[in-house]
Amino acid sequence: FDIGSTSLAINQAKALSIAENYVKNSLIWRLNGQDVTGFTVVNPPISIQLVPHNRGNSVDLFPYWYLELRLDRVYSGGVNEVTVGIYADTGQVADIQMVSGPTASTAAT
């Protein structure tokens, strides 16, 4: 791997803001044949990590924010979290994944 960039134009607070806005205003998830939008994130985030990540078909590594965010409700299939990947040098949202994480009741046990 080679270094593609070391620029951190997007700090952690800005990455969180970008992720929350994307989830609320741009994320479309197809559920049972219907598009679901307007998700609400619950703060604080589960985790925010700055890690190296490739971009496109390149093996060059770029700074990348990986955020795990809890949603305000549980959707079909137990989905209650979303992960968002954002390039720290550009602010570009690169990856979104809906996931099923522990709920408040199961996390306490």
Foldseek 3Di string as FASTA:
>chain_A
DAAPDDDQQDDPVNLVVLVQCCQQPPDWDQDPNDTDHRWHWDDDWPDWDWDWDDDDPDPHTFTKIWTKTFTPDADPPQFGIKIWIAGRRPRDTDDIDTDHDDDPVRVVD
